[in-house]
PDB file of N, CA and C in Angstrom:
ATOM      1  N   MET A   1       2.034  26.504 -16.022  1.00  0.00           N
ATOM      2  CA  MET A   1       1.128  26.099 -14.541  1.00  0.00           C
ATOM      3  C   MET A   1       1.744  26.024 -13.688  1.00  0.00           C
ATOM      4  N   ALA A   2       1.534  26.491 -12.164  1.00  0.00           N
ATOM      5  CA  ALA A   2       1.933  26.590 -10.830  1.00  0.00           C
ATOM      6  C   ALA A   2       1.321  25.337 -10.496  1.00  0.00           C
ATOM      7  N   TYR A   3       2.313  24.691  -9.639  1.00  0.00           N
ATOM      8  CA  TYR A   3       2.657  23.437  -9.169  1.00  0.00           C
ATOM      9  C   TYR A   3       2.718  23.254  -7.428  1.00  0.00           C
ATOM     10  N   SER A   4       1.845  22.414  -6.905  1.00  0.00           N
ATOM     11  CA  SER A   4       2.215  21.982  -5.778  1.00  0.00           C
ATOM     12  C   SER A   4       2.861  20.862  -5.170  1.00  0.00           C
ATOM     13  N   THR A   5       3.731  20.883  -4.549  1.00  0.00           N
ATOM     14  CA  THR A   5       4.284  19.589  -4.106  1.00  0.00           C
ATOM     15  C   THR A   5       4.501  19.038  -2.646  1.00  0.00           C
ATOM     16  N   ILE A   6       3.886  17.810  -2.312  1.00  0.00           N
ATOM     17  CA  ILE A   6       4.091  17.298  -0.981  1.00  0.00           C
ATOM     18  C   ILE A   6       5.068  15.755  -1.102  1.00  0.00           C
ATOM     19  N   LYS A   7       5.469  15.270  -0.037  1.00  0.00           N
ATOM     20  CA  LYS A   7       6.128  14.439   0.194  1.00  0.00           C
ATOM     21  C   LYS A   7       5.831  13.283   0.652  1.00  0.00           C
ATOM     22  N   SER A   8       5.266  11.769   0.577  1.00  0.00           N
ATOM     23  CA  SER A   8       4.885  11.301   1.579  1.00  0.00           C
ATOM     24  C   SER A   8       5.511  10.419   2.220  1.00  0.00           C
ATOM     25  N   ILE A   9       5.109   9.695   3.638  1.00  0.00           N
ATOM     26  CA  ILE A   9       5.863   9.238   4.436  1.00  0.00           C
ATOM     27  C   ILE A   9       6.827   7.878   3.551  1.00  0.00           C
ATOM     28  N   ASP A  10       6.300   7.545   2.630  1.00  0.00           N
ATOM     29  CA  ASP A  10       7.304   6.144   1.939  1.00  0.00           C
ATOM     30  C   ASP A  10       7.918   6.926   1.026  1.00  0.00           C
ATOM     31  N   GLY A  11       7.990   8.396   0.656  1.00  0.00           N
ATOM     32  CA  GLY A  11       9.207   8.965  -0.262  1.00  0.00           C
ATOM     33  C   GLY A  11       8.667   9.212  -1.707  1.00  0.00           C
ATOM     34  N   LEU A  12       7.299   8.638  -1.817  1.00  0.00           N
ATOM     35  CA  LEU A  12       6.671   9.065  -3.253  1.00  0.00           C
ATOM     36  C   LEU A  12       6.358  10.566  -3.267  1.00  0.00           C
ATOM     37  N   VAL A  13       6.402  11.258  -3.986  1.00  0.00           N
ATOM     38  CA  VAL A  13       6.575  12.710  -4.405  1.00  0.00           C
ATOM     39  C   VAL A  13       4.783  13.008  -4.982  1.00  0.00           C
ATOM     40  N   VAL A  14       4.160  13.843  -4.408  1.00  0.00           N
ATOM     41  CA  VAL A  14       2.459  14.125  -5.071  1.00  0.00           C
ATOM     42  C   VAL A  14       2.832  15.680  -5.458  1.00  0.00           C
ATOM     43  N   GLU A  15       2.468  15.717  -6.639  1.00  0.00           N
ATOM     44  CA  GLU A  15       2.625  17.013  -7.572  1.00  0.00           C
ATOM     45  C   GLU A  15       1.022  17.113  -7.969  1.00  0.00           C
ATOM     46  N   SER A  16       0.899  18.405  -7.997  1.00  0.00           N
ATOM     47  CA  SER A  16      -0.694  18.682  -8.026  1.00  0.00           C
ATOM     48  C   SER A  16      -0.679  19.964  -8.718  1.00  0.00           C
ATOM     49  N   GLU A  17      -1.538  20.535  -9.672  1.00  0.00           N
ATOM     50  CA  GLU A  17      -1.860  21.703 -10.266  1.00  0.00           C
ATOM     51  C   GLU A  17      -2.111  22.601  -9.068  1.00  0.00           C
ATOM     52  N   LEU A  18      -1.977  23.637  -8.930  1.00  0.00           N
ATOM     53  CA  LEU A  18      -2.613  24.599  -7.854  1.00  0.00           C
ATOM     54  C   LEU A  18      -4.227  24.479  -8.268  1.00  0.00           C
ATOM     55  N   THR A  19      -4.705  24.323  -8.797  1.00  0.00           N
ATOM     56  CA  THR A  19      -5.956  24.506  -9.194  1.00  0.00           C
ATOM     57  C   THR A  19      -6.538  23.049  -8.862  1.00  0.00           C
ATOM     58  N   GLY A  20      -5.666  22.062  -8.718  1.00  0.00           N
ATOM     59  CA  GLY A  20      -6.358  20.895  -7.681  1.00  0.00           C
ATOM     60  C   GLY A  20      -6.643  19.859  -9.119  1.00  0.00           C
ATOM     61  N   ALA A  21      -6.686  19.702 -10.005  1.00  0.00           N
ATOM     62  CA  ALA A  21      -7.466  19.273 -10.907  1.00  0.00           C
ATOM     63  C   ALA A  21      -6.950  17.983 -11.433  1.00  0.00           C
ATOM     64  N   THR A  22      -5.660  17.466 -11.010  1.00  0.00           N
ATOM     65  CA  THR A  22      -4.463  16.450 -11.498  1.00  0.00           C
ATOM     66  C   THR A  22      -3.383  16.260 -10.405  1.00  0.00           C
ATOM     67  N   LEU A  23      -3.757  15.174 -10.134  1.00  0.00           N
ATOM     68  CA  LEU A  23      -2.669  14.776  -9.039  1.00  0.00           C
ATOM     69  C   LEU A  23      -1.503  13.735  -9.883  1.00  0.00           C
ATOM     70  N   LYS A  24      -0.334  13.765  -9.515  1.00  0.00           N
ATOM     71  CA  LYS A  24       0.674  13.302 -10.371  1.00  0.00           C
ATOM     72  C   LYS A  24       1.628  12.484  -9.112  1.00  0.00           C
ATOM     73  N   ILE A  25       1.884  11.380  -9.016  1.00  0.00           N
ATOM     74  CA  ILE A  25       2.567  10.673  -8.034  1.00  0.00           C
ATOM     75  C   ILE A  25       3.908   9.686  -8.795  1.00  0.00           C
ATOM     76  N   TYR A  26       5.176  10.578  -8.202  1.00  0.00           N
ATOM     77  CA  TYR A  26       6.079   9.646  -8.824  1.00  0.00           C
ATOM     78  C   TYR A  26       6.758   9.374  -7.782  1.00  0.00           C
ATOM     79  N   ASP A  27       7.930   8.189  -8.114  1.00  0.00           N
ATOM     80  CA  ASP A  27       8.481   7.370  -7.187  1.00  0.00           C
ATOM     81  C   ASP A  27       9.539   8.060  -6.391  1.00  0.00           C
ATOM     82  N   CYS A  28      10.068   9.130  -6.341  1.00  0.00           N
ATOM     83  CA  CYS A  28      11.150   9.912  -5.836  1.00  0.00           C
ATOM     84  C   CYS A  28      11.078  10.989  -6.143  1.00  0.00           C
ATOM     85  N   GLU A  29      12.176  11.718  -5.451  1.00  0.00           N
ATOM     86  CA  GLU A  29      12.102  13.294  -5.238  1.00  0.00           C
ATOM     87  C   GLU A  29      12.838  13.703  -6.719  1.00  0.00           C
ATOM     88  N   ALA A  30      13.434  13.090  -7.474  1.00  0.00           N
ATOM     89  CA  ALA A  30      13.869  13.411  -8.893  1.00  0.00           C
ATOM     90  C   ALA A  30      12.921  13.332 -10.130  1.00  0.00           C
ATOM     91  N   ARG A  31      11.691  12.881  -9.428  1.00  0.00           N
ATOM     92  CA  ARG A  31      10.660  12.503 -10.161  1.00  0.00           C
ATOM     93  C   ARG A  31      10.789  11.697 -12.008  1.00  0.00           C
ATOM     94  N   THR A  32      11.667  10.753 -11.954  1.00  0.00           N
ATOM     95  CA  THR A  32      11.933   9.865 -12.880  1.00  0.00           C
ATOM     96  C   THR A  32      10.862   9.362 -13.347  1.00  0.00           C
ATOM     97  N   ARG A  33       9.986   8.776 -12.609  1.00  0.00           N
ATOM     98  CA  ARG A  33       9.198   7.820 -13.213  1.00  0.00           C
ATOM     99  C   ARG A  33       7.889   7.896 -12.355  1.00  0.00           C
ATOM    100  N   LEU A  34       6.587   8.413 -13.363  1.00  0.00           N
ATOM    101  CA  LEU A  34       4.984   8.513 -12.999  1.00  0.00           C
ATOM    102  C   LEU A  34       4.357   7.196 -12.342  1.00  0.00           C
ATOM    103  N   VAL A  35       3.861   7.134 -11.229  1.00  0.00           N
ATOM    104  CA  VAL A  35       3.587   6.048 -10.874  1.00  0.00           C
ATOM    105  C   VAL A  35       1.953   5.712 -10.829  1.00  0.00           C
ATOM    106  N   PHE A  36       1.538   7.145 -10.576  1.00  0.00           N
ATOM    107  CA  PHE A  36       0.134   7.389 -10.909  1.00  0.00           C
ATOM    108  C   PHE A  36      -0.415   8.604 -11.046  1.00  0.00           C
ATOM    109  N   ASN A  37      -1.611   8.364 -11.703  1.00  0.00           N
ATOM    110  CA  ASN A  37      -2.017   9.715 -11.953  1.00  0.00           C
ATOM    111  C   ASN A  37      -3.509   9.901 -12.534  1.00  0.00           C
ATOM    112  N   VAL A  38      -3.967  10.935 -11.633  1.00  0.00           N
ATOM    113  CA  VAL A  38      -5.599  11.030 -11.186  1.00  0.00           C
ATOM    114  C   VAL A  38      -6.174  12.421 -11.482  1.00  0.00           C
ATOM    115  N   ASN A  39      -7.526  12.369 -11.229  1.00  0.00           N
ATOM    116  CA  ASN A  39      -8.061  13.459 -11.802  1.00  0.00           C
ATOM    117  C   ASN A  39      -8.744  13.769 -10.019  1.00  0.00           C
ATOM    118  N   VAL A  40      -9.116  14.782  -9.499  1.00  0.00           N
ATOM    119  CA  VAL A  40      -9.446  15.377  -8.237  1.00  0.00           C
ATOM    120  C   VAL A  40     -10.119  16.568  -8.272  1.00  0.00           C
ATOM    121  N   THR A  41     -11.606  16.216  -7.811  1.00  0.00           N
ATOM    122  CA  THR A  41     -12.472  17.548  -8.133  1.00  0.00           C
ATOM    123  C   THR A  41     -13.133  17.648  -6.522  1.00  0.00           C
ATOM    124  N   HIS A  42     -13.588  19.038  -5.889  1.00  0.00           N
ATOM    125  CA  HIS A  42     -14.192  18.812  -4.843  1.00  0.00           C
ATOM    126  C   HIS A  42     -15.534  18.533  -4.748  1.00  0.00           C
ATOM    127  N   ALA A  43     -16.100  17.588  -4.070  1.00  0.00           N
ATOM    128  CA  ALA A  43     -17.561  17.192  -4.429  1.00  0.00           C
ATOM    129  C   ALA A  43     -18.769  17.921  -3.492  1.00  0.00           C
ATOM    130  N   GLY A  44     -17.642  18.750  -2.770  1.00  0.00           N
ATOM    131  CA  GLY A  44     -18.674  19.456  -1.806  1.00  0.00           C
ATOM    132  C   GLY A  44     -18.918  18.638  -0.407  1.00  0.00           C
ATOM    133  N   ASP A  45     -18.666  19.415   0.828  1.00  0.00           N
ATOM    134  CA  ASP A  45     -18.769  19.071   2.237  1.00  0.00           C
ATOM    135  C   ASP A  45     -17.589  18.275   2.589  1.00  0.00           C
ATOM    136  N   ARG A  46     -16.503  18.856   2.308  1.00  0.00           N
ATOM    137  CA  ARG A  46     -14.764  18.146   2.482  1.00  0.00           C
ATOM    138  C   ARG A  46     -14.920  16.690   1.907  1.00  0.00           C
ATOM    139  N   THR A  47     -15.564  16.636   0.591  1.00  0.00           N
ATOM    140  CA  THR A  47     -15.673  15.091   0.076  1.00  0.00           C
ATOM    141  C   THR A  47     -14.542  15.209  -0.978  1.00  0.00           C
ATOM    142  N   ALA A  48     -13.772  14.633  -1.359  1.00  0.00           N
ATOM    143  CA  ALA A  48     -12.500  14.633  -2.584  1.00  0.00           C
ATOM    144  C   ALA A  48     -13.542  13.648  -3.587  1.00  0.00           C
ATOM    145  N   ARG A  49     -13.619  13.584  -4.652  1.00  0.00           N
ATOM    146  CA  ARG A  49     -14.005  12.601  -5.938  1.00  0.00           C
ATOM    147  C   ARG A  49     -12.906  12.565  -6.561  1.00  0.00           C
ATOM    148  N   LEU A  50     -12.279  11.318  -7.025  1.00  0.00           N
ATOM    149  CA  LEU A  50     -11.215  11.077  -7.542  1.00  0.00           C
ATOM    150  C   LEU A  50     -11.632  10.337  -8.719  1.00  0.00           C
ATOM    151  N   PHE A  51     -11.204  10.216  -9.894  1.00  0.00           N
ATOM    152  CA  PHE A  51     -11.838   9.683 -11.057  1.00  0.00           C
ATOM    153  C   PHE A  51     -10.474   9.894 -12.167  1.00  0.00           C
ATOM    154  N   ASN A  52     -10.589   9.010 -12.927  1.00  0.00           N
ATOM    155  CA  ASN A  52      -9.730   8.763 -14.341  1.00  0.00           C
ATOM    156  C   ASN A  52      -8.318   8.453 -13.881  1.00  0.00           C
ATOM    157  N   GLY A  53      -8.480   7.215 -12.970  1.00  0.00           N
ATOM    158  CA  GLY A  53      -7.276   6.787 -12.489  1.00  0.00           C
ATOM    159  C   GLY A  53      -6.288   6.145 -13.526  1.00  0.00           C
ATOM    160  N   CYS A  54      -4.827   6.150 -13.533  1.00  0.00           N
ATOM    161  CA  CYS A  54      -4.178   5.606 -14.635  1.00  0.00           C
ATOM    162  C   CYS A  54      -2.522   5.243 -13.923  1.00  0.00           C
ATOM    163  N   GLY A  55      -2.623   3.934 -13.782  1.00  0.00           N
ATOM    164  CA  GLY A  55      -1.412   3.448 -13.007  1.00  0.00           C
ATOM    165  C   GLY A  55      -1.600   2.582 -12.067  1.00  0.00           C
ATOM    166  N   SER A  56      -0.978   1.699 -11.413  1.00  0.00           N
ATOM    167  CA  SER A  56      -0.733   0.892 -10.598  1.00  0.00           C
ATOM    168  C   SER A  56      -0.844   1.655  -9.062  1.00  0.00           C
ATOM    169  N   ILE A  57      -2.394   1.184  -8.566  1.00  0.00           N
ATOM    170  CA  ILE A  57      -2.259   1.922  -7.208  1.00  0.00           C
ATOM    171  C   ILE A  57      -1.934   0.770  -6.054  1.00  0.00           C
ATOM    172  N   THR A  58      -0.906   1.020  -5.657  1.00  0.00           N
ATOM    173  CA  THR A  58      -0.394   0.161  -4.724  1.00  0.00           C
ATOM    174  C   THR A  58      -0.865   0.928  -3.296  1.00  0.00           C
ATOM    175  N   LEU A  59      -0.383   0.279  -2.379  1.00  0.00           N
ATOM    176  CA  LEU A  59      -0.663   0.702  -0.853  1.00  0.00           C
ATOM    177  C   LEU A  59       0.179   1.922  -0.588  1.00  0.00           C
ATOM    178  N   GLU A  60       1.905   2.435  -1.248  1.00  0.00           N
ATOM    179  CA  GLU A  60       2.022   3.148  -1.054  1.00  0.00           C
ATOM    180  C   GLU A  60       1.486   4.402  -1.827  1.00  0.00           C
ATOM    181  N   VAL A  61       0.892   4.410  -3.001  1.00  0.00           N
ATOM    182  CA  VAL A  61       0.133   5.207  -3.837  1.00  0.00           C
ATOM    183  C   VAL A  61      -0.926   5.836  -3.055  1.00  0.00           C
ATOM    184  N   ARG A  62      -1.540   4.683  -2.204  1.00  0.00           N
ATOM    185  CA  ARG A  62      -2.677   5.373  -1.499  1.00  0.00           C
ATOM    186  C   ARG A  62      -2.260   5.985  -0.274  1.00  0.00           C
ATOM    187  N   LYS A  63      -1.540   5.624   0.460  1.00  0.00           N
ATOM    188  CA  LYS A  63      -0.965   6.433   1.717  1.00  0.00           C
ATOM    189  C   LYS A  63      -0.583   7.957   1.037  1.00  0.00           C
ATOM    190  N   ALA A  64       0.040   7.863  -0.309  1.00  0.00           N
ATOM    191  CA  ALA A  64       0.181   9.508  -0.849  1.00  0.00           C
ATOM    192  C   ALA A  64      -0.828  10.236  -0.999  1.00  0.00           C
ATOM    193  N   ILE A  65      -1.926   9.589  -1.492  1.00  0.00           N
ATOM    194  CA  ILE A  65      -3.216  10.272  -2.159  1.00  0.00           C
ATOM    195  C   ILE A  65      -3.799  10.711  -0.639  1.00  0.00           C
ATOM    196  N   ARG A  66      -3.652   9.923   0.544  1.00  0.00           N
ATOM    197  CA  ARG A  66      -4.640  10.182   1.614  1.00  0.00           C
ATOM    198  C   ARG A  66      -3.404  11.571   2.236  1.00  0.00           C
ATOM    199  N   ALA A  67      -2.110  11.621   2.266  1.00  0.00           N
ATOM    200  CA  ALA A  67      -1.470  12.475   2.717  1.00  0.00           C
ATOM    201  C   ALA A  67      -1.812  13.816   2.047  1.00  0.00           C
ATOM    202  N   TYR A  68      -1.716  13.754   0.522  1.00  0.00           N
ATOM    203  CA  TYR A  68      -2.466  15.032  -0.193  1.00  0.00           C
ATOM    204  C   TYR A  68      -3.793  15.789   0.414  1.00  0.00           C
ATOM    205  N   LEU A  69      -4.949  14.257   0.485  1.00  0.00           N
ATOM    206  CA  LEU A  69      -5.986  15.157   0.666  1.00  0.00           C
ATOM    207  C   LEU A  69      -6.011  15.433   2.337  1.00  0.00           C
ATOM    208  N   LYS A  70      -5.550  14.746   3.045  1.00  0.00           N
ATOM    209  CA  LYS A  70      -5.160  15.483   4.812  1.00  0.00           C
ATOM    210  C   LYS A  70      -4.436  16.919   4.506  1.00  0.00           C
ATOM    211  N   HIS A  71      -3.585  17.193   3.726  1.00  0.00           N
ATOM    212  CA  HIS A  71      -2.912  18.295   3.598  1.00  0.00           C
ATOM    213  C   HIS A  71      -3.728  19.586   2.784  1.00  0.00           C
ATOM    214  N   ASN A  72      -4.983  19.101   2.302  1.00  0.00           N
ATOM    215  CA  ASN A  72      -5.775  19.998   1.890  1.00  0.00           C
ATOM    216  C   ASN A  72      -6.863  20.060   2.569  1.00  0.00           C
ATOM    217  N   ASN A  73      -7.342  19.348   3.918  1.00  0.00           N
ATOM    218  CA  ASN A  73      -8.273  19.399   4.595  1.00  0.00           C
ATOM    219  C   ASN A  73      -9.438  18.750   4.243  1.00  0.00           C
ATOM    220  N   PHE A  74      -9.396  17.413   3.509  1.00  0.00           N
ATOM    221  CA  PHE A  74     -10.708  16.699   2.888  1.00  0.00           C
ATOM    222  C   PHE A  74     -10.970  15.796   4.088  1.00  0.00           C
ATOM    223  N   GLU A  75     -12.034  15.517   4.487  1.00  0.00           N
ATOM    224  CA  GLU A  75     -12.302  14.710   5.342  1.00  0.00           C
ATOM    225  C   GLU A  75     -12.505  13.163   4.942  1.00  0.00           C
ATOM    226  N   PHE A  76     -13.317  13.452   3.404  1.00  0.00           N
ATOM    227  CA  PHE A  76     -13.743  11.989   3.023  1.00  0.00           C
ATOM    228  C   PHE A  76     -13.568  12.226   1.388  1.00  0.00           C
ATOM    229  N   LEU A  77     -13.524  10.669   0.906  1.00  0.00           N
ATOM    230  CA  LEU A  77     -12.958  10.726  -0.503  1.00  0.00           C
ATOM    231  C   LEU A  77     -14.098   9.641  -1.342  1.00  0.00           C
ATOM    232  N   THR A  78     -14.444   9.681  -2.519  1.00  0.00           N
ATOM    233  CA  THR A  78     -15.080   8.872  -3.568  1.00  0.00           C
ATOM    234  C   THR A  78     -14.080   8.782  -4.181  1.00  0.00           C
ATOM    235  N   PHE A  79     -13.351   7.422  -4.581  1.00  0.00           N
ATOM    236  CA  PHE A  79     -12.541   7.178  -5.768  1.00  0.00           C
ATOM    237  C   PHE A  79     -13.457   6.092  -6.681  1.00  0.00           C
ATOM    238  N   GLU A  80     -13.714   6.525  -8.026  1.00  0.00           N
ATOM    239  CA  GLU A  80     -14.481   6.040  -9.092  1.00  0.00           C
ATOM    240  C   GLU A  80     -13.391   5.201  -9.797  1.00  0.00           C
ATOM    241  N   ARG A  81     -13.677   3.767  -9.703  1.00  0.00           N
ATOM    242  CA  ARG A  81     -12.600   2.935 -10.347  1.00  0.00           C
ATOM    243  C   ARG A  81     -13.229   2.486 -11.710  1.00  0.00           C
ATOM    244  N   GLY A  82     -14.235   2.484 -12.011  1.00  0.00           N
ATOM    245  CA  GLY A  82     -14.554   2.431 -13.636  1.00  0.00           C
ATOM    246  C   GLY A  82     -16.391   2.873 -13.813  1.00  0.00           C
ATOM    247  N   ASN A  83     -16.703   2.142 -14.746  1.00  0.00           N
ATOM    248  CA  ASN A  83     -18.280   1.957 -15.357  1.00  0.00           C
ATOM    249  C   ASN A  83     -18.848   1.284 -14.540  1.00  0.00           C
ATOM    250  N   PRO A  84     -19.628   2.349 -13.985  1.00  0.00           N
ATOM    251  CA  PRO A  84     -20.753   1.290 -12.721  1.00  0.00           C
ATOM    252  C   PRO A  84     -21.461  -0.086 -13.492  1.00  0.00           C
ATOM    253  N   GLU A  85     -21.880   0.487 -14.783  1.00  0.00           N
ATOM    254  CA  GLU A  85     -22.562  -0.936 -15.564  1.00  0.00           C
ATOM    255  C   GLU A  85     -21.632  -2.041 -15.855  1.00  0.00           C
ATOM    256  N   ASP A  86     -20.744  -1.860 -15.425  1.00  0.00           N
ATOM    257  CA  ASP A  86     -19.355  -3.279 -15.609  1.00  0.00           C
ATOM    258  C   ASP A  86     -19.718  -3.654 -14.030  1.00  0.00           C
ATOM    259  N   GLY A  87     -20.361  -3.211 -13.343  1.00  0.00           N
ATOM    260  CA  GLY A  87     -20.104  -4.007 -11.954  1.00  0.00           C
ATOM    261  C   GLY A  87     -18.829  -3.296 -11.079  1.00  0.00           C
ATOM    262  N   LEU A  88     -18.307  -1.608 -11.516  1.00  0.00           N
ATOM    263  CA  LEU A  88     -17.151  -1.634 -10.688  1.00  0.00           C
ATOM    264  C   LEU A  88     -17.699  -0.161  -9.724  1.00  0.00           C
ATOM    265  N   ARG A  89     -17.895  -0.871  -8.442  1.00  0.00           N
ATOM    266  CA  ARG A  89     -18.570   0.435  -7.828  1.00  0.00           C
ATOM    267  C   ARG A  89     -17.595   1.130  -7.242  1.00  0.00           C
ATOM    268  N   PRO A  90     -17.899   2.556  -6.737  1.00  0.00           N
ATOM    269  CA  PRO A  90     -16.554   3.290  -6.344  1.00  0.00           C
ATOM    270  C   PRO A  90     -16.524   3.264  -5.198  1.00  0.00           C
ATOM    271  N   ILE A  91     -15.070   3.367  -4.644  1.00  0.00           N
ATOM    272  CA  ILE A  91     -14.550   3.312  -3.174  1.00  0.00           C
ATOM    273  C   ILE A  91     -15.022   4.220  -2.443  1.00  0.00           C
ATOM    274  N   THR A  92     -15.464   4.566  -1.426  1.00  0.00           N
ATOM    275  CA  THR A  92     -15.773   5.593  -0.275  1.00  0.00           C
ATOM    276  C   THR A  92     -15.134   5.552   0.911  1.00  0.00           C
ATOM    277  N   GLY A  93     -14.633   6.586   1.485  1.00  0.00           N
ATOM    278  CA  GLY A  93     -14.339   6.343   3.073  1.00  0.00           C
ATOM    279  C   GLY A  93     -14.262   7.689   3.485  1.00  0.00           C
ATOM    280  N   ARG A  94     -13.275   7.198   4.838  1.00  0.00           N
ATOM    281  CA  ARG A  94     -12.604   8.622   5.584  1.00  0.00           C
ATOM    282  C   ARG A  94     -11.289   8.750   5.106  1.00  0.00           C
ATOM    283  N   VAL A  95     -10.818   9.919   5.062  1.00  0.00           N
ATOM    284  CA  VAL A  95      -9.692  10.210   4.538  1.00  0.00           C
ATOM    285  C   VAL A  95      -9.013   9.684   6.144  1.00  0.00           C
TER     286      VAL A  95
END
């Protein structure tokens, strides 16, 4: 499968399948340690839907995700953190 790679300001590397189905965020150019993994789909109207996140979501990871979304012309995002029945509502916002 072909991949697209961008580097964030903080040095994290965002690798995605060209279909845009999975984002993998690594800690450096050597891609030695996977920091965060998340699925992303297009929810229509330039909105990205992120779900099934796995890993530690730090400020650097958020910046890397934002850089990827801006690079792919998304304007809004919905980050589903878990089961709504458990009281976890999605985070929505502007990229």
